[in-house]
Protein backbone atom coordinates (compact mmCIF):
# COMPACT_ATOMS: atom_id res chain seq x y z
CA MET A 1 29.59 6.52 -26.86
CA VAL A 2 29.87 3.03 -28.34
CA PHE A 3 26.30 3.14 -29.72
CA ALA A 4 26.73 6.69 -30.96
CA GLU A 5 29.79 5.60 -32.96
CA ARG A 6 28.21 2.44 -34.37
CA LEU A 7 24.63 3.50 -35.07
CA PRO A 8 23.12 6.11 -37.38
CA ALA A 9 20.86 8.81 -35.95
CA LEU A 10 17.63 7.52 -34.41
CA GLN A 11 15.53 9.90 -36.50
CA SER A 12 16.88 8.47 -39.74
CA LEU A 13 16.01 4.95 -38.54
CA ILE A 14 12.47 6.03 -37.65
CA VAL A 15 12.03 7.52 -41.12
CA PHE A 16 13.48 4.39 -42.72
CA GLU A 17 11.13 2.15 -40.68
CA ALA A 18 8.03 4.07 -41.78
CA ALA A 19 9.08 4.04 -45.43
CA ALA A 20 9.89 0.32 -45.32
CA ARG A 21 6.61 -0.50 -43.62
CA HIS A 22 4.54 1.43 -46.14
CA LEU A 23 6.83 0.76 -49.11
CA SER A 24 6.08 4.36 -49.97
CA PHE A 25 7.99 7.55 -49.25
CA THR A 26 4.75 9.54 -49.67
CA ALA A 27 2.81 7.45 -47.15
CA ALA A 28 5.76 7.61 -44.71
CA ALA A 29 5.85 11.39 -45.07
CA ARG A 30 2.10 11.58 -44.38
CA GLU A 31 2.50 9.49 -41.22
CA LEU A 32 5.50 11.47 -39.96
CA GLY A 33 4.03 14.87 -40.78
CA THR A 34 6.75 15.81 -43.26
CA THR A 35 7.25 15.90 -47.04
CA GLN A 36 8.06 13.11 -49.53
CA SER A 37 11.27 14.85 -50.50
CA ALA A 38 12.41 15.08 -46.86
CA VAL A 39 11.81 11.32 -46.43
CA SER A 40 13.69 10.61 -49.65
CA GLN A 41 16.66 12.72 -48.48
CA GLN A 42 16.71 11.01 -45.05
CA VAL A 43 16.70 7.56 -46.68
CA ARG A 44 19.36 8.57 -49.21
CA GLY A 45 21.52 9.93 -46.40
CA LEU A 46 21.12 6.70 -44.40
CA GLU A 47 22.11 4.57 -47.43
CA GLU A 48 25.20 6.71 -47.98
CA GLU A 49 26.18 6.52 -44.30
CA LEU A 50 25.78 2.73 -44.22
CA GLN A 51 27.10 2.28 -47.76
CA LEU A 52 24.16 -0.02 -48.44
CA GLU A 53 21.26 0.10 -50.94
CA LEU A 54 18.14 -0.28 -48.85
CA PHE A 55 15.44 0.42 -51.46
CA LEU A 56 14.98 -0.32 -55.12
CA ARG A 57 13.26 2.58 -56.81
CA VAL A 58 10.57 1.08 -59.02
CA TYR A 59 7.71 2.52 -61.01
CA ARG A 60 5.41 4.50 -58.71
CA GLY A 61 7.00 3.12 -55.53
CA VAL A 62 9.91 1.43 -53.83
CA GLU A 63 10.88 -2.10 -52.86
CA LEU A 64 13.19 -3.30 -50.10
CA THR A 65 16.48 -4.94 -50.98
CA ASP A 66 17.69 -7.94 -48.98
CA GLU A 67 19.75 -5.58 -46.87
CA GLY A 68 16.73 -3.30 -46.44
CA ARG A 69 14.52 -6.17 -45.30
CA ALA A 70 17.14 -7.30 -42.73
CA LEU A 71 17.57 -3.78 -41.39
CA HIS A 72 13.82 -3.18 -41.29
CA HIS A 73 13.29 -6.31 -39.25
CA ALA A 74 15.96 -5.25 -36.74
CA VAL A 75 14.79 -1.63 -36.52
CA GLU A 76 11.13 -2.62 -36.18
CA GLU A 77 11.92 -5.08 -33.38
CA GLY A 78 14.08 -2.54 -31.57
CA LEU A 79 11.55 0.26 -31.80
CA HIS A 80 8.75 -2.07 -30.60
CA ARG A 81 10.85 -3.01 -27.57
CA ILE A 82 11.61 0.61 -26.80
CA ALA A 83 7.96 1.58 -27.12
CA GLY A 84 6.87 -1.34 -24.96
CA THR A 85 9.34 -0.52 -22.26
CA LEU A 86 8.31 3.16 -22.24
CA GLU A 87 4.69 2.12 -21.98
CA GLN A 88 5.42 -0.06 -18.99
CA LEU A 89 7.37 2.71 -17.32
CA GLN A 90 4.60 5.21 -17.92
CA TYR A 91 2.04 2.72 -16.52
CA ARG A 92 4.15 2.23 -13.40
CA ARG A 93 4.39 6.00 -12.96
CA GLN A 94 0.67 6.48 -13.41
CA HIS A 95 -0.34 3.30 -11.48
CA GLN A 96 2.10 3.00 -8.64
CA ARG A 97 1.77 -0.02 -6.36
CA LEU A 98 1.98 0.21 -2.57
CA THR A 99 2.13 -2.77 -0.22
CA VAL A 100 1.10 -2.15 3.39
CA ALA A 101 1.66 -4.82 6.06
CA THR A 102 -0.29 -4.69 9.30
CA ASP A 103 -2.42 -6.85 11.59
CA PHE A 104 -6.05 -7.86 11.07
CA ALA A 105 -7.33 -5.56 13.80
CA PHE A 106 -5.68 -2.39 12.54
CA ALA A 107 -6.58 -3.12 8.94
CA ALA A 108 -10.23 -3.86 9.73
CA TYR A 109 -11.02 -1.21 12.32
CA TRP A 110 -8.76 1.75 11.41
CA LEU A 111 -7.22 1.48 7.99
CA MET A 112 -10.07 0.14 5.84
CA PRO A 113 -12.68 2.71 6.92
CA ARG A 114 -10.20 5.51 6.02
CA LEU A 115 -8.59 4.02 2.96
CA PRO A 116 -11.22 5.48 0.54
CA ASP A 117 -9.95 8.93 1.48
CA PHE A 118 -6.38 8.00 0.51
CA ARG A 119 -7.52 6.41 -2.74
CA SER A 120 -9.59 9.49 -3.63
CA ARG A 121 -6.52 11.68 -3.13
CA TYR A 122 -4.10 9.38 -4.94
CA PRO A 123 -6.11 7.40 -7.51
CA GLU A 124 -2.92 6.46 -9.35
CA VAL A 125 -1.73 4.32 -6.41
CA ASP A 126 -2.75 0.67 -6.35
CA VAL A 127 -2.87 -0.43 -2.68
CA ARG A 128 -2.20 -3.98 -1.51
CA ILE A 129 -2.91 -4.84 2.13
CA MET A 130 -0.99 -7.76 3.75
CA THR A 131 -2.37 -8.83 7.10
CA SER A 132 -1.42 -11.23 9.86
CA GLN A 133 -2.82 -11.76 13.35
CA GLY A 134 -0.18 -9.47 14.77
CA GLY A 135 2.85 -9.70 16.92
CA ASP A 136 5.82 -7.49 17.70
CA GLY A 137 8.24 -6.86 14.86
CA LEU A 138 5.88 -7.26 11.92
CA GLN A 139 8.02 -6.10 9.02
CA PRO A 140 7.70 -8.23 5.88
CA LYS A 141 10.56 -7.73 3.46
CA ASP A 142 8.29 -7.19 0.46
CA ALA A 143 6.19 -4.48 2.15
CA ASP A 144 6.74 -0.79 1.48
CA VAL A 145 5.20 0.20 4.83
CA ALA A 146 4.67 -1.82 8.00
CA ILE A 147 2.23 -0.74 10.71
CA SER A 148 2.59 -3.03 13.74
CA PHE A 149 1.66 -3.16 17.38
CA CYS A 150 4.57 -3.34 19.79
CA GLY A 151 4.28 -3.84 23.53
CA THR A 152 7.32 -1.62 23.99
CA PRO A 153 8.81 0.99 21.64
CA PRO A 154 10.85 -0.78 18.94
CA THR A 155 14.59 -0.26 18.80
CA GLN A 156 14.82 -0.04 15.01
CA ARG A 157 15.89 3.32 13.65
CA GLY A 158 13.20 5.24 11.89
CA ALA A 159 10.23 3.65 13.74
CA ARG A 160 7.55 6.26 14.40
CA ARG A 161 4.74 5.97 16.92
CA LEU A 162 1.31 6.36 15.36
CA PHE A 163 -0.93 5.67 18.33
CA ALA A 164 -0.10 5.07 21.98
CA GLU A 165 -1.71 2.08 23.70
CA GLU A 166 -4.85 3.01 25.54
CA VAL A 167 -6.86 0.01 26.81
CA PHE A 168 -10.29 -0.10 28.49
CA PRO A 169 -13.14 -2.59 28.86
CA ILE A 170 -15.86 -2.50 26.20
CA CYS A 171 -19.25 -4.11 25.84
CA SER A 172 -22.57 -3.67 24.08
CA PRO A 173 -25.05 -1.11 25.44
CA ALA A 174 -27.59 -3.93 25.96
CA LEU A 175 -25.18 -5.97 28.12
CA LEU A 176 -24.26 -2.98 30.21
CA GLU A 177 -27.93 -2.17 30.77
CA ARG A 178 -28.62 -5.76 31.81
CA LEU A 179 -25.61 -6.18 34.14
CA GLY A 180 -25.19 -2.60 35.31
CA ALA A 181 -22.06 -0.49 35.09
CA PRO A 182 -19.25 -1.63 37.43
CA GLN A 183 -18.27 0.96 40.00
CA LYS A 184 -15.03 -0.66 41.09
CA ALA A 185 -12.36 -2.55 39.16
CA ASP A 186 -12.90 -5.78 41.05
CA GLN A 187 -16.51 -5.84 39.90
CA LEU A 188 -15.20 -6.52 36.38
CA LEU A 189 -14.45 -10.05 37.59
CA THR A 190 -18.17 -10.68 38.04
CA MET A 191 -18.87 -9.99 34.37
CA PRO A 192 -18.50 -12.44 31.47
CA LEU A 193 -15.05 -11.65 30.03
CA LEU A 194 -13.90 -12.03 26.45
CA SER A 195 -10.22 -12.71 25.95
CA LEU A 196 -7.72 -12.84 23.12
CA ARG A 197 -5.17 -15.65 23.18
CA ALA A 198 -1.79 -14.27 24.19
CA GLU A 199 -0.01 -15.59 21.07
CA SER A 200 -2.68 -14.08 18.87
CA GLY A 201 -2.14 -10.60 20.19
CA ALA A 202 1.55 -10.74 21.07
CA GLY A 203 2.48 -7.70 23.13
CA TRP A 204 -1.13 -6.67 23.66
CA LEU A 205 -2.43 -6.11 27.19
CA GLU A 206 -4.41 -9.05 28.62
CA TRP A 207 -7.12 -9.01 31.28
CA LYS A 208 -4.68 -10.00 33.99
CA ASP A 209 -2.36 -7.14 33.00
CA LEU A 210 -5.18 -4.57 33.02
CA LEU A 211 -6.49 -5.77 36.36
CA GLN A 212 -3.02 -5.68 37.92
CA HIS A 213 -2.58 -2.11 36.64
CA LEU A 214 -5.84 -1.31 38.41
CA GLY A 215 -4.71 -2.98 41.66
CA VAL A 216 -6.91 -6.05 41.36
CA GLU A 217 -5.66 -9.62 41.66
CA PRO A 218 -7.07 -11.55 38.72
CA LYS A 219 -8.79 -14.89 39.19
CA SER A 220 -7.22 -18.02 37.90
CA ASP A 221 -10.39 -19.01 36.06
CA ASP A 222 -10.38 -18.54 32.33
CA PRO A 223 -12.71 -15.96 30.77
CA VAL A 224 -15.98 -17.13 29.38
CA LEU A 225 -14.83 -16.94 25.75
CA THR A 226 -11.32 -16.90 24.32
CA PHE A 227 -10.53 -16.00 20.70
CA ASP A 228 -7.51 -16.20 18.44
CA ASN A 229 -8.75 -13.31 16.33
CA TYR A 230 -9.54 -9.78 17.59
CA THR A 231 -12.20 -9.34 14.93
CA LEU A 232 -14.14 -12.31 16.36
CA LEU A 233 -13.78 -10.89 19.87
CA ILE A 234 -15.27 -7.59 18.74
CA GLN A 235 -18.17 -9.43 17.04
CA ALA A 236 -18.84 -11.27 20.30
CA ALA A 237 -18.81 -7.97 22.18
CA LEU A 238 -21.21 -6.38 19.69
CA ALA A 239 -23.53 -9.38 20.12
CA GLY A 240 -23.62 -8.83 23.89
CA GLN A 241 -21.78 -12.03 24.79
CA GLY A 242 -19.36 -10.41 27.20
CA VAL A 243 -16.91 -7.68 28.07
CA GLY A 244 -13.73 -7.42 26.03
CA LEU A 245 -10.74 -5.15 26.02
CA GLY A 246 -10.86 -2.30 23.60
CA TRP A 247 -7.92 -0.42 22.17
CA GLY A 248 -8.34 3.27 21.58
CA THR A 249 -7.90 3.91 17.82
CA LEU A 250 -9.29 0.50 16.90
CA VAL A 251 -12.68 0.74 18.57
CA ASP A 252 -13.25 4.51 18.62
CA ASP A 253 -15.49 4.44 15.56
CA LEU A 254 -17.67 1.68 17.06
CA ILE A 255 -18.00 3.66 20.30
CA ASP A 256 -18.82 6.89 18.45
CA ARG A 257 -21.58 5.07 16.56
CA GLY A 258 -23.05 3.73 19.80
CA LEU A 259 -22.42 0.10 18.94
CA LEU A 260 -20.07 -0.37 21.90
CA VAL A 261 -19.71 1.30 25.28
CA ALA A 262 -16.29 2.14 26.71
CA LEU A 263 -15.82 1.73 30.46
CA ARG A 264 -13.20 4.47 30.54
CA ASP A 265 -12.99 4.61 34.33
CA PHE A 266 -10.80 1.52 34.02
CA THR A 267 -8.45 2.82 31.31
CA VAL A 268 -4.80 1.77 31.29
CA HIS A 269 -2.05 3.51 29.30
CA THR A 270 1.24 1.79 28.46
CA ARG A 271 4.41 2.53 26.51
CA GLY A 272 3.26 0.31 23.69
CA GLY A 273 1.17 1.16 20.69
CA TYR A 274 1.14 1.10 16.90
CA PHE A 275 4.35 2.03 15.15
CA LEU A 276 5.14 2.89 11.54
CA ARG A 277 8.21 1.38 9.90
CA GLU A 278 9.63 1.34 6.40
CA PRO A 279 11.49 -1.88 5.59
CA ARG A 280 13.37 -0.03 2.83
CA PRO A 281 13.59 3.56 4.02
CA ARG A 282 16.02 4.71 1.33
CA GLU A 283 13.97 3.47 -1.54
CA PRO A 284 12.46 6.53 -3.28
CA VAL A 285 8.88 5.45 -4.02
CA ASN A 286 6.28 8.17 -4.56
CA ALA A 287 3.40 5.95 -3.54
CA LYS A 288 5.11 5.26 -0.19
CA ARG A 289 5.82 8.93 0.39
CA HIS A 290 2.18 9.81 -0.38
CA PHE A 291 0.87 7.10 1.96
CA VAL A 292 3.13 7.98 4.89
CA HIS A 293 2.22 11.67 4.54
CA TRP A 294 -1.47 10.86 4.43
CA LEU A 295 -1.19 8.44 7.37
CA LEU A 296 0.59 10.95 9.63
CA GLN A 297 -1.74 13.76 8.60
CA THR A 298 -4.83 11.67 9.31
CA ARG A 299 -3.40 10.53 12.62
CA THR A 300 -2.63 14.12 13.70
CA THR A 301 -6.06 15.39 12.65
CA GLU A 302 -7.84 12.70 14.66
CA ILE A 303 -5.71 13.25 17.76
CA GLU A 304 -6.40 16.98 17.62
CA GLU A 305 -10.14 16.37 17.21
CA ASN A 306 -10.16 13.99 20.20
CA ASP A 307 -8.30 16.54 22.34
CA ASP A 308 -10.95 19.14 21.50
């Protein structure tokens, strides 16, 4: 109400700005799609309302008075600011930004191969991926969505399970052909094992955990190769350097393509898995809503296809 009482109508200011910029009522009318007489009436009405003379009528044109120049400068600056703000708001609406936080493994082996599908469906969303080596409780404050592995279901409200933990030994087809497929769990101990450092995969199952689930007492000797990055472990497995632990969801594509072999007779299921969390669940962001819907839909489709 304060502005409405102190300021003239916006339309009259727009007409004034065009006339002042062109120093011509005719040119202003042409720009605004109206008539010269309509522009003249709007300007005259503005001058009467403000009780100021804004233009000097001269031969075949008009000139700004000192008051007119001062008002034109203020109106022009204000309209530019309004237009710039609206442009930014429209850009944000058309090019929404989404920040997704997850670990290296999930980003590399599940999210990135499927991300082109999301981007083709929602080209207006700019996606930023933040990665870390993992660990329970990954939930950066500046992320819109966090996808993290947890050894046990998180206690935070709103956390949704995406994929349950399913772990089994994996190796290259060439290594399996050379060493032969193990028939019993204790035969896994005779094979070159690839391991992920505990702190690098916090909450993830380790070899000793899997063997204990299978009723085998693990040896105290360290595996042949130990990594602090799951991506490097997978590369070593692909190169035939040993047997690693594979997580369903992460390595399914590599198995389907025949690059890795899953020794599913030694599969272990736990209460852990990948969980979806929203650090700011009440924040109404269209990009986040689109991504979560796509994520859950893709997850459901893949689970149904695997069940078939």
